[in-house]
Amino acid sequence: MTVPPAPPSVTPLHDLMRRALAASRVPGFHFAGHFLGVDFETVDHDEVVLSIRDGDGLRLGTADGDLFALAVLADVTLSTALRAGRASRERLATTWLQLQFTGAQAARSLHARGATQMERQHSRLPVGGASARIESGGVAVCHAIGEFAHVGPPPGVTLGPLPWQVGTRSSALLADTELAPDEQQVLDLVASADAASAPTCLWSGRTQLREGGATRVVPLGLHFRNRVGHVQGGLLLGVATGAACAALTPDYRIANATGWYLRPAQGRALTADADVLHRGRYTAVVRTRVRDDGDEPVLECMTQHLLVDTRQP
């Protein structure tokens, strides 16, 4: 008698991914936000409060996982602060983003408080700036500041409402038979991974060390897309900072990162070339250039890294 093969195991992580894929089918928010479980706790014109709770979508304590989660949360918090109080569903494009890390280790959940800092009134391209403080366990782990351009959607794209504008979130769970090929591709990325390494499998790609730096190649898919189909701004900075960290030995910890967004990133893959410009007794500086598969530059990033004090307990 032939024994039929056992059905594939279903884990909470895979359930979460199926829910995130289903939710991202509805115009308005992206897969990364649904997968990480970004919660819009407070949104008003004075302050916004967003959070990500430790769970299957986020396992704090993994280097790449922390960088991607912090960068996505920072980008979404800053843009939400600029949108708060506006009736329109306008598109904001990240033009510049800076993260300053305090050195405190993230644990449990992340909470971000953001507010608008300025609106440039006299430039031909309307640009707004915002800042945010990201805490974990009541301790600041990151300070963020960024600028965003007020631009319209690409041709043929209709912007849907963000979760805080509708107050509900889809809880549908896609079955295997309902998955489109690009959705199945995302699930396949974590087919053999546990929850702790999920962000690494989803967004980190492959890294090759070389003389003076490192090169990271990251295949793109719908899990990278924002609500207009381009690479989400926080994920793009996460790719750059991850490559920069890989260019150094593990006894260096990232202190700050600044990214300048040159053009929308799209296509089949990203390539991040991280070059160590300086490695001193206590600090290092890395320049990372990210380009898409058309060989066009999409992000220029500078990071500073501090040598870890091994004398500390």
C-alpha atoms as a PDB file:
ATOM      1  CA  MET A   1       0.000   0.000   0.000  1.00  0.00           C
ATOM      2  CA  THR A   2       1.317   3.424  -0.944  1.00  0.00           C
ATOM      3  CA  VAL A   3       1.379   5.885   1.923  1.00  0.00           C
ATOM      4  CA  PRO A   4       0.425   9.404   0.779  1.00  0.00           C
ATOM      5  CA  PRO A   5       2.953  12.108   1.595  1.00  0.00           C
ATOM      6  CA  ALA A   6       2.357  14.068   4.772  1.00  0.00           C
ATOM      7  CA  PRO A   7       0.825  17.507   4.238  1.00  0.00           C
ATOM      8  CA  PRO A   8       3.197  20.453   4.653  1.00  0.00           C
ATOM      9  CA  SER A   9       3.421  21.698   8.220  1.00  0.00           C
ATOM     10  CA  VAL A  10       1.624  24.932   8.985  1.00  0.00           C
ATOM     11  CA  THR A  11       3.281  27.161  11.566  1.00  0.00           C
ATOM     12  CA  PRO A  12       2.162  30.446  13.126  1.00  0.00           C
ATOM     13  CA  LEU A  13       4.789  32.139  10.958  1.00  0.00           C
ATOM     14  CA  HIS A  14       3.276  30.777   7.752  1.00  0.00           C
ATOM     15  CA  ASP A  15      -0.215  31.718   8.938  1.00  0.00           C
ATOM     16  CA  LEU A  16       1.026  35.241   9.592  1.00  0.00           C
ATOM     17  CA  MET A  17       2.559  35.444   6.124  1.00  0.00           C
ATOM     18  CA  ARG A  18      -0.658  34.257   4.496  1.00  0.00           C
ATOM     19  CA  ARG A  19      -2.612  36.892   6.418  1.00  0.00           C
ATOM     20  CA  ALA A  20      -0.103  39.575   5.443  1.00  0.00           C
ATOM     21  CA  LEU A  21      -0.319  38.524   1.795  1.00  0.00           C
ATOM     22  CA  ALA A  22      -4.118  38.655   1.927  1.00  0.00           C
ATOM     23  CA  ALA A  23      -4.099  42.056   3.629  1.00  0.00           C
ATOM     24  CA  SER A  24      -1.624  43.530   1.144  1.00  0.00           C
ATOM     25  CA  ARG A  25      -3.986  42.660  -1.716  1.00  0.00           C
ATOM     26  CA  VAL A  26      -6.152  45.542  -0.486  1.00  0.00           C
ATOM     27  CA  PRO A  27      -4.730  48.893  -1.684  1.00  0.00           C
ATOM     28  CA  GLY A  28      -3.527  51.108   1.155  1.00  0.00           C
ATOM     29  CA  PHE A  29      -0.712  49.402   3.077  1.00  0.00           C
ATOM     30  CA  HIS A  30       2.215  47.137   2.212  1.00  0.00           C
ATOM     31  CA  PHE A  31       3.229  43.574   3.033  1.00  0.00           C
ATOM     32  CA  ALA A  32       6.054  44.635   5.359  1.00  0.00           C
ATOM     33  CA  GLY A  33       3.687  46.654   7.525  1.00  0.00           C
ATOM     34  CA  HIS A  34       1.158  43.832   7.746  1.00  0.00           C
ATOM     35  CA  PHE A  35       3.827  41.171   8.331  1.00  0.00           C
ATOM     36  CA  LEU A  36       5.579  43.107  11.097  1.00  0.00           C
ATOM     37  CA  GLY A  37       2.210  44.003  12.614  1.00  0.00           C
ATOM     38  CA  VAL A  38       2.607  47.781  12.612  1.00  0.00           C
ATOM     39  CA  ASP A  39      -0.084  49.129  14.925  1.00  0.00           C
ATOM     40  CA  PHE A  40      -1.291  52.722  14.582  1.00  0.00           C
ATOM     41  CA  GLU A  41      -2.087  53.398  18.250  1.00  0.00           C
ATOM     42  CA  THR A  42      -2.532  57.195  18.045  1.00  0.00           C
ATOM     43  CA  VAL A  43      -2.721  59.411  14.982  1.00  0.00           C
ATOM     44  CA  ASP A  44      -3.423  63.125  15.363  1.00  0.00           C
ATOM     45  CA  HIS A  45      -1.849  66.369  14.224  1.00  0.00           C
ATOM     46  CA  ASP A  46       0.251  66.783  17.410  1.00  0.00           C
ATOM     47  CA  GLU A  47       1.721  63.302  17.749  1.00  0.00           C
ATOM     48  CA  VAL A  48       1.534  59.812  16.316  1.00  0.00           C
ATOM     49  CA  VAL A  49       2.285  56.598  18.216  1.00  0.00           C
ATOM     50  CA  LEU A  50       3.022  53.384  16.333  1.00  0.00           C
ATOM     51  CA  SER A  51       4.245  50.045  17.602  1.00  0.00           C
ATOM     52  CA  ILE A  52       5.468  46.607  16.570  1.00  0.00           C
ATOM     53  CA  ARG A  53       5.047  43.823  19.069  1.00  0.00           C
ATOM     54  CA  ASP A  54       7.530  40.982  19.369  1.00  0.00           C
ATOM     55  CA  GLY A  55       6.052  37.901  17.748  1.00  0.00           C
ATOM     56  CA  ASP A  56       6.215  35.728  14.670  1.00  0.00           C
ATOM     57  CA  GLY A  57       6.816  38.728  12.397  1.00  0.00           C
ATOM     58  CA  LEU A  58       9.500  40.232  14.620  1.00  0.00           C
ATOM     59  CA  ARG A  59      12.093  38.459  16.693  1.00  0.00           C
ATOM     60  CA  LEU A  60      14.191  41.138  18.343  1.00  0.00           C
ATOM     61  CA  GLY A  61      17.825  40.397  19.012  1.00  0.00           C
ATOM     62  CA  THR A  62      18.786  39.342  15.470  1.00  0.00           C
ATOM     63  CA  ALA A  63      20.956  41.985  13.795  1.00  0.00           C
ATOM     64  CA  ASP A  64      19.259  42.124  10.404  1.00  0.00           C
ATOM     65  CA  GLY A  65      15.815  41.660  11.924  1.00  0.00           C
ATOM     66  CA  ASP A  66      16.321  44.639  14.211  1.00  0.00           C
ATOM     67  CA  LEU A  67      17.619  46.870  11.417  1.00  0.00           C
ATOM     68  CA  PHE A  68      14.746  46.104   9.063  1.00  0.00           C
ATOM     69  CA  ALA A  69      12.087  46.459  11.772  1.00  0.00           C
ATOM     70  CA  LEU A  70      13.531  49.737  13.062  1.00  0.00           C
ATOM     71  CA  ALA A  71      13.917  51.195   9.571  1.00  0.00           C
ATOM     72  CA  VAL A  72      10.376  50.235   8.511  1.00  0.00           C
ATOM     73  CA  LEU A  73       8.869  51.521  11.751  1.00  0.00           C
ATOM     74  CA  ALA A  74      10.823  54.783  11.482  1.00  0.00           C
ATOM     75  CA  ASP A  75       9.808  55.360   7.863  1.00  0.00           C
ATOM     76  CA  VAL A  76       6.119  54.633   8.503  1.00  0.00           C
ATOM     77  CA  THR A  77       6.025  56.708  11.709  1.00  0.00           C
ATOM     78  CA  LEU A  78       7.606  59.755  10.092  1.00  0.00           C
ATOM     79  CA  SER A  79       5.345  59.640   7.040  1.00  0.00           C
ATOM     80  CA  THR A  80       2.280  59.105   9.245  1.00  0.00           C
ATOM     81  CA  ALA A  81       3.198  62.183  11.295  1.00  0.00           C
ATOM     82  CA  LEU A  82       3.210  64.232   8.097  1.00  0.00           C
ATOM     83  CA  ARG A  83      -0.109  62.749   6.944  1.00  0.00           C
ATOM     84  CA  ALA A  84      -1.856  63.186  10.307  1.00  0.00           C
ATOM     85  CA  GLY A  85      -4.622  65.748  10.143  1.00  0.00           C
ATOM     86  CA  ARG A  86      -4.780  65.645   6.354  1.00  0.00           C
ATOM     87  CA  ALA A  87      -7.935  64.434   4.671  1.00  0.00           C
ATOM     88  CA  SER A  88      -6.203  63.278   1.494  1.00  0.00           C
ATOM     89  CA  ARG A  89      -4.621  59.892   0.862  1.00  0.00           C
ATOM     90  CA  GLU A  90      -1.598  61.525  -0.723  1.00  0.00           C
ATOM     91  CA  ARG A  91       1.569  59.684  -1.532  1.00  0.00           C
ATOM     92  CA  LEU A  92       4.738  60.626   0.324  1.00  0.00           C
ATOM     93  CA  ALA A  93       8.081  59.618  -1.156  1.00  0.00           C
ATOM     94  CA  THR A  94      11.053  59.280   1.203  1.00  0.00           C
ATOM     95  CA  THR A  95      13.856  61.619   0.121  1.00  0.00           C
ATOM     96  CA  TRP A  96      16.176  61.440   3.125  1.00  0.00           C
ATOM     97  CA  LEU A  97      16.183  59.303   6.277  1.00  0.00           C
ATOM     98  CA  GLN A  98      18.541  59.224   9.238  1.00  0.00           C
ATOM     99  CA  LEU A  99      18.656  56.764  12.131  1.00  0.00           C
ATOM    100  CA  GLN A 100      20.727  57.348  15.272  1.00  0.00           C
ATOM    101  CA  PHE A 101      21.118  54.283  17.472  1.00  0.00           C
ATOM    102  CA  THR A 102      21.582  54.699  21.213  1.00  0.00           C
ATOM    103  CA  GLY A 103      23.301  51.356  21.701  1.00  0.00           C
ATOM    104  CA  ALA A 104      20.465  50.007  23.851  1.00  0.00           C
ATOM    105  CA  GLN A 105      19.308  46.575  22.781  1.00  0.00           C
ATOM    106  CA  ALA A 106      15.719  46.181  21.602  1.00  0.00           C
ATOM    107  CA  ALA A 107      13.600  43.714  23.547  1.00  0.00           C
ATOM    108  CA  ARG A 108       9.943  42.730  23.566  1.00  0.00           C
ATOM    109  CA  SER A 109       8.199  45.437  21.535  1.00  0.00           C
ATOM    110  CA  LEU A 110       9.028  48.659  19.710  1.00  0.00           C
ATOM    111  CA  HIS A 111       7.070  51.886  20.282  1.00  0.00           C
ATOM    112  CA  ALA A 112       7.605  54.984  18.141  1.00  0.00           C
ATOM    113  CA  ARG A 113       6.432  58.533  18.843  1.00  0.00           C
ATOM    114  CA  GLY A 114       6.623  60.928  15.929  1.00  0.00           C
ATOM    115  CA  ALA A 115       5.710  64.508  15.089  1.00  0.00           C
ATOM    116  CA  THR A 116       5.965  66.891  12.151  1.00  0.00           C
ATOM    117  CA  GLN A 117       8.950  69.233  12.285  1.00  0.00           C
ATOM    118  CA  MET A 118       8.566  71.437   9.230  1.00  0.00           C
ATOM    119  CA  GLU A 119       6.986  71.953   5.824  1.00  0.00           C
ATOM    120  CA  ARG A 120       9.040  73.641   3.122  1.00  0.00           C
ATOM    121  CA  GLN A 121       6.770  76.189   1.493  1.00  0.00           C
ATOM    122  CA  HIS A 122       8.945  77.742  -1.191  1.00  0.00           C
ATOM    123  CA  SER A 123      10.446  74.798  -3.071  1.00  0.00           C
ATOM    124  CA  ARG A 124       8.954  73.623  -6.348  1.00  0.00           C
ATOM    125  CA  LEU A 125       8.678  70.155  -4.832  1.00  0.00           C
ATOM    126  CA  PRO A 126       6.692  70.293  -1.565  1.00  0.00           C
ATOM    127  CA  VAL A 127       8.739  68.575   1.151  1.00  0.00           C
ATOM    128  CA  GLY A 128       7.938  67.931   4.807  1.00  0.00           C
ATOM    129  CA  GLY A 129      10.121  66.783   7.681  1.00  0.00           C
ATOM    130  CA  ALA A 130       9.354  64.762  10.805  1.00  0.00           C
ATOM    131  CA  SER A 131      11.162  63.195  13.738  1.00  0.00           C
ATOM    132  CA  ALA A 132      10.545  60.164  15.938  1.00  0.00           C
ATOM    133  CA  ARG A 133      11.832  58.417  19.036  1.00  0.00           C
ATOM    134  CA  ILE A 134      11.700  54.630  19.067  1.00  0.00           C
ATOM    135  CA  GLU A 135      11.688  52.880  22.436  1.00  0.00           C
ATOM    136  CA  SER A 136      11.775  49.295  23.642  1.00  0.00           C
ATOM    137  CA  GLY A 137      10.873  48.522  27.228  1.00  0.00           C
ATOM    138  CA  GLY A 138      10.733  52.256  27.966  1.00  0.00           C
ATOM    139  CA  VAL A 139      14.327  52.783  26.802  1.00  0.00           C
ATOM    140  CA  ALA A 140      15.210  54.734  23.663  1.00  0.00           C
ATOM    141  CA  VAL A 141      16.897  52.514  21.085  1.00  0.00           C
ATOM    142  CA  CYS A 142      16.759  54.798  18.050  1.00  0.00           C
ATOM    143  CA  HIS A 143      16.057  58.409  17.052  1.00  0.00           C
ATOM    144  CA  ALA A 144      14.858  59.047  13.506  1.00  0.00           C
ATOM    145  CA  ILE A 145      14.479  62.098  11.325  1.00  0.00           C
ATOM    146  CA  GLY A 146      13.522  62.250   7.686  1.00  0.00           C
ATOM    147  CA  GLU A 147      12.078  64.248   4.830  1.00  0.00           C
ATOM    148  CA  PHE A 148       9.347  63.255   2.403  1.00  0.00           C
ATOM    149  CA  ALA A 149       8.155  64.748  -0.866  1.00  0.00           C
ATOM    150  CA  HIS A 150       4.454  65.223  -1.504  1.00  0.00           C
ATOM    151  CA  VAL A 151       3.982  63.561  -4.888  1.00  0.00           C
ATOM    152  CA  GLY A 152       1.152  61.996  -6.781  1.00  0.00           C
ATOM    153  CA  PRO A 153       0.809  58.258  -7.444  1.00  0.00           C
ATOM    154  CA  PRO A 154       2.352  56.712 -10.561  1.00  0.00           C
ATOM    155  CA  PRO A 155       0.084  56.566 -13.630  1.00  0.00           C
ATOM    156  CA  GLY A 156      -2.652  53.982 -13.269  1.00  0.00           C
ATOM    157  CA  VAL A 157      -2.221  53.567  -9.497  1.00  0.00           C
ATOM    158  CA  THR A 158      -5.104  54.393  -7.162  1.00  0.00           C
ATOM    159  CA  LEU A 159      -4.123  54.967  -3.549  1.00  0.00           C
ATOM    160  CA  GLY A 160      -6.219  53.179  -0.966  1.00  0.00           C
ATOM    161  CA  PRO A 161      -6.686  54.243   2.667  1.00  0.00           C
ATOM    162  CA  LEU A 162      -4.046  53.420   5.251  1.00  0.00           C
ATOM    163  CA  PRO A 163      -5.071  51.220   8.208  1.00  0.00           C
ATOM    164  CA  TRP A 164      -5.517  54.173  10.582  1.00  0.00           C
ATOM    165  CA  GLN A 165      -7.821  55.835   8.053  1.00  0.00           C
ATOM    166  CA  VAL A 166     -10.248  52.907   8.006  1.00  0.00           C
ATOM    167  CA  GLY A 167      -9.788  51.503  11.509  1.00  0.00           C
ATOM    168  CA  THR A 168      -9.882  47.833  10.504  1.00  0.00           C
ATOM    169  CA  ARG A 169      -7.384  45.238   9.365  1.00  0.00           C
ATOM    170  CA  SER A 170      -8.063  42.137   7.327  1.00  0.00           C
ATOM    171  CA  SER A 171      -7.666  38.814   9.146  1.00  0.00           C
ATOM    172  CA  ALA A 172      -8.211  36.592   6.108  1.00  0.00           C
ATOM    173  CA  LEU A 173      -5.942  33.567   5.732  1.00  0.00           C
ATOM    174  CA  LEU A 174      -5.009  32.580   2.182  1.00  0.00           C
ATOM    175  CA  ALA A 175      -5.042  28.863   1.386  1.00  0.00           C
ATOM    176  CA  ASP A 176      -2.313  27.356  -0.795  1.00  0.00           C
ATOM    177  CA  THR A 177      -4.730  27.084  -3.721  1.00  0.00           C
ATOM    178  CA  GLU A 178      -5.457  30.819  -3.514  1.00  0.00           C
ATOM    179  CA  LEU A 179      -1.840  31.945  -3.746  1.00  0.00           C
ATOM    180  CA  ALA A 180      -0.664  33.733  -6.871  1.00  0.00           C
ATOM    181  CA  PRO A 181       2.833  32.806  -8.143  1.00  0.00           C
ATOM    182  CA  ASP A 182       4.456  35.935  -6.663  1.00  0.00           C
ATOM    183  CA  GLU A 183       2.761  35.248  -3.316  1.00  0.00           C
ATOM    184  CA  GLN A 184       3.986  31.649  -3.308  1.00  0.00           C
ATOM    185  CA  GLN A 185       7.468  32.948  -4.018  1.00  0.00           C
ATOM    186  CA  VAL A 186       7.370  34.940  -0.768  1.00  0.00           C
ATOM    187  CA  LEU A 187       6.260  31.899   1.228  1.00  0.00           C
ATOM    188  CA  ASP A 188       9.037  29.834  -0.315  1.00  0.00           C
ATOM    189  CA  LEU A 189      11.640  32.239   1.090  1.00  0.00           C
ATOM    190  CA  VAL A 190      10.904  31.037   4.616  1.00  0.00           C
ATOM    191  CA  ALA A 191       9.994  27.432   3.785  1.00  0.00           C
ATOM    192  CA  SER A 192      12.842  26.063   5.894  1.00  0.00           C
ATOM    193  CA  ALA A 193      13.257  28.973   8.304  1.00  0.00           C
ATOM    194  CA  ASP A 194      12.094  29.460  11.852  1.00  0.00           C
ATOM    195  CA  ALA A 195      10.478  32.650  13.127  1.00  0.00           C
ATOM    196  CA  ALA A 196      13.744  34.043  14.478  1.00  0.00           C
ATOM    197  CA  SER A 197      15.367  34.142  11.040  1.00  0.00           C
ATOM    198  CA  ALA A 198      12.284  35.149   9.041  1.00  0.00           C
ATOM    199  CA  PRO A 199      13.271  38.802   8.440  1.00  0.00           C
ATOM    200  CA  THR A 200      16.742  37.675   7.378  1.00  0.00           C
ATOM    201  CA  CYS A 201      15.299  35.219   4.848  1.00  0.00           C
ATOM    202  CA  LEU A 202      12.759  37.707   3.551  1.00  0.00           C
ATOM    203  CA  TRP A 203      14.887  40.785   3.052  1.00  0.00           C
ATOM    204  CA  SER A 204      18.604  40.151   3.512  1.00  0.00           C
ATOM    205  CA  GLY A 205      19.562  38.252   0.364  1.00  0.00           C
ATOM    206  CA  ARG A 206      23.093  36.936  -0.150  1.00  0.00           C
ATOM    207  CA  THR A 207      26.281  38.684   0.959  1.00  0.00           C
ATOM    208  CA  GLN A 208      29.755  38.239  -0.488  1.00  0.00           C
ATOM    209  CA  LEU A 209      32.745  39.663   1.346  1.00  0.00           C
ATOM    210  CA  ARG A 210      35.475  41.253  -0.753  1.00  0.00           C
ATOM    211  CA  GLU A 211      38.591  43.326  -0.278  1.00  0.00           C
ATOM    212  CA  GLY A 212      37.594  46.559   1.455  1.00  0.00           C
ATOM    213  CA  GLY A 213      33.907  45.786   1.822  1.00  0.00           C
ATOM    214  CA  ALA A 214      30.968  43.588   0.937  1.00  0.00           C
ATOM    215  CA  THR A 215      28.347  43.195  -1.780  1.00  0.00           C
ATOM    216  CA  ARG A 216      24.805  42.121  -0.986  1.00  0.00           C
ATOM    217  CA  VAL A 217      22.361  40.960  -3.693  1.00  0.00           C
ATOM    218  CA  VAL A 218      18.698  40.901  -2.705  1.00  0.00           C
ATOM    219  CA  PRO A 219      15.994  39.414  -4.951  1.00  0.00           C
ATOM    220  CA  LEU A 220      12.893  41.590  -5.053  1.00  0.00           C
ATOM    221  CA  GLY A 221       9.270  40.534  -4.842  1.00  0.00           C
ATOM    222  CA  LEU A 222       5.950  41.801  -3.591  1.00  0.00           C
ATOM    223  CA  HIS A 223       7.248  41.572   0.003  1.00  0.00           C
ATOM    224  CA  PHE A 224       9.458  44.595  -0.766  1.00  0.00           C
ATOM    225  CA  ARG A 225       6.796  46.730  -2.432  1.00  0.00           C
ATOM    226  CA  ASN A 226       5.162  49.787  -0.955  1.00  0.00           C
ATOM    227  CA  ARG A 227       1.614  50.754  -1.849  1.00  0.00           C
ATOM    228  CA  VAL A 228       2.590  52.067  -5.299  1.00  0.00           C
ATOM    229  CA  GLY A 229       4.791  49.113  -6.261  1.00  0.00           C
ATOM    230  CA  HIS A 230       8.236  50.541  -5.465  1.00  0.00           C
ATOM    231  CA  VAL A 231      10.615  49.233  -2.791  1.00  0.00           C
ATOM    232  CA  GLN A 232       9.446  50.464   0.619  1.00  0.00           C
ATOM    233  CA  GLY A 233      11.748  53.185   1.967  1.00  0.00           C
ATOM    234  CA  GLY A 234      12.551  51.538   5.295  1.00  0.00           C
ATOM    235  CA  LEU A 235      13.358  48.212   3.647  1.00  0.00           C
ATOM    236  CA  LEU A 236      15.657  49.954   1.182  1.00  0.00           C
ATOM    237  CA  LEU A 237      17.602  51.555   4.032  1.00  0.00           C
ATOM    238  CA  GLY A 238      17.605  48.167   5.794  1.00  0.00           C
ATOM    239  CA  VAL A 239      19.310  46.569   2.784  1.00  0.00           C
ATOM    240  CA  ALA A 240      21.990  49.279   2.827  1.00  0.00           C
ATOM    241  CA  THR A 241      22.677  49.164   6.565  1.00  0.00           C
ATOM    242  CA  GLY A 242      22.751  45.370   6.562  1.00  0.00           C
ATOM    243  CA  ALA A 243      25.374  45.370   3.820  1.00  0.00           C
ATOM    244  CA  ALA A 244      27.381  48.016   5.686  1.00  0.00           C
ATOM    245  CA  CYS A 245      27.398  45.930   8.862  1.00  0.00           C
ATOM    246  CA  ALA A 246      28.441  42.852   6.890  1.00  0.00           C
ATOM    247  CA  ALA A 247      31.442  44.764   5.519  1.00  0.00           C
ATOM    248  CA  LEU A 248      32.873  44.973   9.048  1.00  0.00           C
ATOM    249  CA  THR A 249      33.705  42.405  11.686  1.00  0.00           C
ATOM    250  CA  PRO A 250      31.026  41.595  14.297  1.00  0.00           C
ATOM    251  CA  ASP A 251      32.814  43.626  16.997  1.00  0.00           C
ATOM    252  CA  TYR A 252      31.548  46.814  15.329  1.00  0.00           C
ATOM    253  CA  ARG A 253      28.048  48.051  16.107  1.00  0.00           C
ATOM    254  CA  ILE A 254      26.195  50.528  13.911  1.00  0.00           C
ATOM    255  CA  ALA A 255      25.865  53.979  15.516  1.00  0.00           C
ATOM    256  CA  ASN A 256      24.075  55.971  12.835  1.00  0.00           C
ATOM    257  CA  ALA A 257      22.900  55.726   9.257  1.00  0.00           C
ATOM    258  CA  THR A 258      21.874  58.354   6.727  1.00  0.00           C
ATOM    259  CA  GLY A 259      20.279  57.475   3.414  1.00  0.00           C
ATOM    260  CA  TRP A 260      19.587  59.733   0.435  1.00  0.00           C
ATOM    261  CA  TYR A 261      16.915  58.369  -1.904  1.00  0.00           C
ATOM    262  CA  LEU A 262      17.823  59.008  -5.531  1.00  0.00           C
ATOM    263  CA  ARG A 263      14.968  57.421  -7.461  1.00  0.00           C
ATOM    264  CA  PRO A 264      12.242  54.777  -6.955  1.00  0.00           C
ATOM    265  CA  ALA A 265      13.670  51.267  -6.626  1.00  0.00           C
ATOM    266  CA  GLN A 266      11.988  48.486  -8.575  1.00  0.00           C
ATOM    267  CA  GLY A 267      12.805  45.508 -10.749  1.00  0.00           C
ATOM    268  CA  ARG A 268      13.957  41.992  -9.934  1.00  0.00           C
ATOM    269  CA  ALA A 269      16.894  42.590  -7.574  1.00  0.00           C
ATOM    270  CA  LEU A 270      18.902  45.123  -5.589  1.00  0.00           C
ATOM    271  CA  THR A 271      22.688  45.188  -5.330  1.00  0.00           C
ATOM    272  CA  ALA A 272      24.265  46.961  -2.351  1.00  0.00           C
ATOM    273  CA  ASP A 273      28.001  47.677  -2.573  1.00  0.00           C
ATOM    274  CA  ALA A 274      29.385  48.570   0.864  1.00  0.00           C
ATOM    275  CA  ASP A 275      32.895  50.053   0.941  1.00  0.00           C
ATOM    276  CA  VAL A 276      34.778  50.687   4.165  1.00  0.00           C
ATOM    277  CA  LEU A 277      36.096  54.239   3.926  1.00  0.00           C
ATOM    278  CA  HIS A 278      37.665  54.325   7.361  1.00  0.00           C
ATOM    279  CA  ARG A 279      38.498  51.776  10.038  1.00  0.00           C
ATOM    280  CA  GLY A 280      40.175  53.356  13.044  1.00  0.00           C
ATOM    281  CA  ARG A 281      40.942  52.266  16.568  1.00  0.00           C
ATOM    282  CA  TYR A 282      37.361  52.809  17.731  1.00  0.00           C
ATOM    283  CA  THR A 283      35.221  53.862  14.773  1.00  0.00           C
ATOM    284  CA  ALA A 284      34.543  52.903  11.176  1.00  0.00           C
ATOM    285  CA  VAL A 285      32.701  54.613   8.329  1.00  0.00           C
ATOM    286  CA  VAL A 286      31.079  52.726   5.460  1.00  0.00           C
ATOM    287  CA  ARG A 287      29.648  54.069   2.216  1.00  0.00           C
ATOM    288  CA  THR A 288      26.961  51.923   0.614  1.00  0.00           C
ATOM    289  CA  ARG A 289      25.486  52.411  -2.839  1.00  0.00           C
ATOM    290  CA  VAL A 290      22.347  50.513  -3.756  1.00  0.00           C
ATOM    291  CA  ARG A 291      21.310  50.009  -7.369  1.00  0.00           C
ATOM    292  CA  ASP A 292      18.512  48.097  -9.032  1.00  0.00           C
ATOM    293  CA  ASP A 293      18.786  45.535 -11.816  1.00  0.00           C
ATOM    294  CA  GLY A 294      18.855  48.300 -14.398  1.00  0.00           C
ATOM    295  CA  ASP A 295      22.184  49.299 -12.810  1.00  0.00           C
ATOM    296  CA  GLU A 296      20.624  52.612 -11.794  1.00  0.00           C
ATOM    297  CA  PRO A 297      21.553  54.042  -8.369  1.00  0.00           C
ATOM    298  CA  VAL A 298      18.571  54.204  -6.025  1.00  0.00           C
ATOM    299  CA  LEU A 299      20.107  54.968  -2.618  1.00  0.00           C
ATOM    300  CA  GLU A 300      23.311  56.477  -1.274  1.00  0.00           C
ATOM    301  CA  CYS A 301      23.992  55.631   2.373  1.00  0.00           C
ATOM    302  CA  MET A 302      26.658  56.555   4.911  1.00  0.00           C
ATOM    303  CA  THR A 303      26.999  54.701   8.201  1.00  0.00           C
ATOM    304  CA  GLN A 304      29.208  55.112  11.233  1.00  0.00           C
ATOM    305  CA  HIS A 305      30.087  52.115  13.395  1.00  0.00           C
ATOM    306  CA  LEU A 306      31.583  51.932  16.894  1.00  0.00           C
ATOM    307  CA  LEU A 307      33.849  49.237  18.219  1.00  0.00           C
ATOM    308  CA  VAL A 308      32.054  47.246  20.914  1.00  0.00           C
ATOM    309  CA  ASP A 309      33.486  47.608  24.415  1.00  0.00           C
ATOM    310  CA  THR A 310      34.180  43.978  25.284  1.00  0.00           C
ATOM    311  CA  ARG A 311      34.997  44.990  28.872  1.00  0.00           C
ATOM    312  CA  GLN A 312      31.291  45.625  29.514  1.00  0.00           C
ATOM    313  CA  PRO A 313      29.335  42.690  30.983  1.00  0.00           C
END
